[in-house]
Amino acid sequence: MSINLPHAIAEYFSADKKANPTAVSECFTLDATVVDEGNTYTGRDAIRQWMANASTQYTYKVEPFNISEEGGRTVVTSHLVGNFPGSPVDLRYLFVLEGDKIAKLEIVP
């Protein structure tokens, strides 16, 4: 199933698929935050390092399959399969957009 993602979110998933931490970080505002696995990463440098660690530590494939709006956030539910504990899993990516960039991303089960 194909879903229509906002440009910034589509760019995020495209860069993630290519395991490109710099391209992922450039999808975010300069002072953006990412919350993942109980950790918070603030700013593009921290976000780039977060993605670099994830892409070297694990091999995975993410497929967004649902999009909705909740409380001012764009929620993208995605199926992840890879060599990480608990695979496969469906995760919810809660995006807050600011213009054509991501201002906040929280990833939750």
Protein backbone atom coordinates (compact mmCIF):
# COMPACT_ATOMS: atom_id res chain seq x y z
CA MET A 1 0.00 0.00 0.00
CA SER A 2 1.34 3.39 -0.95
CA ILE A 3 0.59 6.43 1.19
CA ASN A 4 1.02 10.11 0.43
CA LEU A 5 3.57 11.57 2.86
CA PRO A 6 4.33 15.28 3.31
CA HIS A 7 7.56 16.20 1.51
CA ALA A 8 9.78 16.51 4.62
CA ILE A 9 8.60 13.15 5.95
CA ALA A 10 9.03 11.44 2.57
CA GLU A 11 12.58 12.86 2.42
CA TYR A 12 13.27 11.55 5.94
CA PHE A 13 12.23 7.98 5.07
CA SER A 14 14.12 8.14 1.76
CA ALA A 15 17.35 9.24 3.48
CA ASP A 16 16.87 6.61 6.20
CA LYS A 17 16.41 3.92 3.55
CA LYS A 18 19.75 4.94 2.02
CA ALA A 19 21.40 4.89 5.48
CA ASN A 20 22.54 8.49 4.94
CA PRO A 21 22.84 10.20 8.36
CA THR A 22 23.72 13.60 6.87
CA ALA A 23 20.70 13.58 4.55
CA VAL A 24 18.49 12.49 7.45
CA SER A 25 19.72 15.35 9.64
CA GLU A 26 19.09 17.86 6.85
CA CYS A 27 15.38 16.96 6.93
CA PHE A 28 15.21 18.67 10.35
CA THR A 29 15.24 22.27 11.54
CA LEU A 30 18.52 23.43 13.09
CA ASP A 31 17.18 23.04 16.66
CA ALA A 32 14.96 19.99 16.09
CA THR A 33 14.61 17.17 18.59
CA VAL A 34 14.32 13.43 18.15
CA VAL A 35 13.10 11.16 20.96
CA ASP A 36 13.88 7.48 20.41
CA GLU A 37 14.25 4.59 22.87
CA GLY A 38 14.08 6.96 25.85
CA ASN A 39 16.86 9.25 24.55
CA THR A 40 16.51 12.81 23.29
CA TYR A 41 18.74 14.23 20.54
CA THR A 42 18.68 17.99 19.95
CA GLY A 43 20.09 19.74 16.90
CA ARG A 44 21.24 18.45 13.53
CA ASP A 45 24.65 17.26 14.78
CA ALA A 46 23.06 15.10 17.49
CA ILE A 47 20.44 13.82 15.05
CA ARG A 48 23.13 12.94 12.49
CA GLN A 49 25.07 11.02 15.19
CA TRP A 50 21.89 9.23 16.33
CA MET A 51 21.22 8.05 12.78
CA ALA A 52 24.87 7.13 12.18
CA ASN A 53 24.83 4.93 15.30
CA ALA A 54 21.52 3.29 14.34
CA SER A 55 22.64 2.56 10.78
CA THR A 56 25.95 1.01 11.85
CA GLN A 57 24.49 -0.93 14.77
CA TYR A 58 21.52 -2.44 12.93
CA THR A 59 20.41 -3.38 9.45
CA TYR A 60 16.72 -2.73 8.96
CA LYS A 61 14.01 -1.94 6.46
CA VAL A 62 11.20 0.48 7.29
CA GLU A 63 7.93 0.64 5.36
CA PRO A 64 5.40 3.37 6.25
CA PHE A 65 1.86 2.05 5.84
CA ASN A 66 -0.49 4.50 7.59
CA ILE A 67 -0.68 8.25 8.15
CA SER A 68 -2.97 10.25 10.43
CA GLU A 69 -3.11 13.54 12.32
CA GLU A 70 -3.19 13.60 16.13
CA GLY A 71 -2.92 16.70 18.30
CA GLY A 72 -1.00 18.76 15.75
CA ARG A 73 1.34 15.91 14.88
CA THR A 74 1.57 13.82 11.74
CA VAL A 75 1.65 10.18 12.81
CA VAL A 76 3.19 7.68 10.42
CA THR A 77 2.91 4.02 11.38
CA SER A 78 5.68 1.93 9.88
CA HIS A 79 6.66 -1.73 9.77
CA LEU A 80 10.32 -2.38 10.69
CA VAL A 81 12.17 -5.59 9.96
CA GLY A 82 15.83 -6.07 10.75
CA ASN A 83 18.52 -7.51 12.99
CA PHE A 84 17.47 -5.62 16.11
CA PRO A 85 15.86 -7.03 19.27
CA GLY A 86 12.08 -7.39 18.89
CA SER A 87 12.06 -7.47 15.07
CA PRO A 88 9.68 -7.25 13.31
CA VAL A 89 7.76 -4.39 14.92
CA ASP A 90 5.30 -1.66 13.98
CA LEU A 91 6.38 1.75 15.27
CA ARG A 92 4.65 5.11 15.29
CA TYR A 93 6.66 8.10 14.10
CA LEU A 94 5.16 11.29 15.54
CA PHE A 95 6.30 14.25 13.44
CA VAL A 96 5.89 17.97 14.11
CA LEU A 97 6.56 19.94 10.95
CA GLU A 98 7.78 23.53 10.74
CA GLY A 99 7.60 24.82 7.20
CA ASP A 100 9.33 22.29 4.97
CA LYS A 101 11.39 20.74 7.79
CA ILE A 102 10.83 18.42 10.75
CA ALA A 103 10.92 20.24 14.10
CA LYS A 104 10.32 17.18 16.28
CA LEU A 105 10.18 13.43 15.85
CA GLU A 106 9.21 10.94 18.52
CA ILE A 107 9.37 7.23 17.75
CA VAL A 108 7.13 5.02 19.91
CA PRO A 109 5.83 1.43 19.84
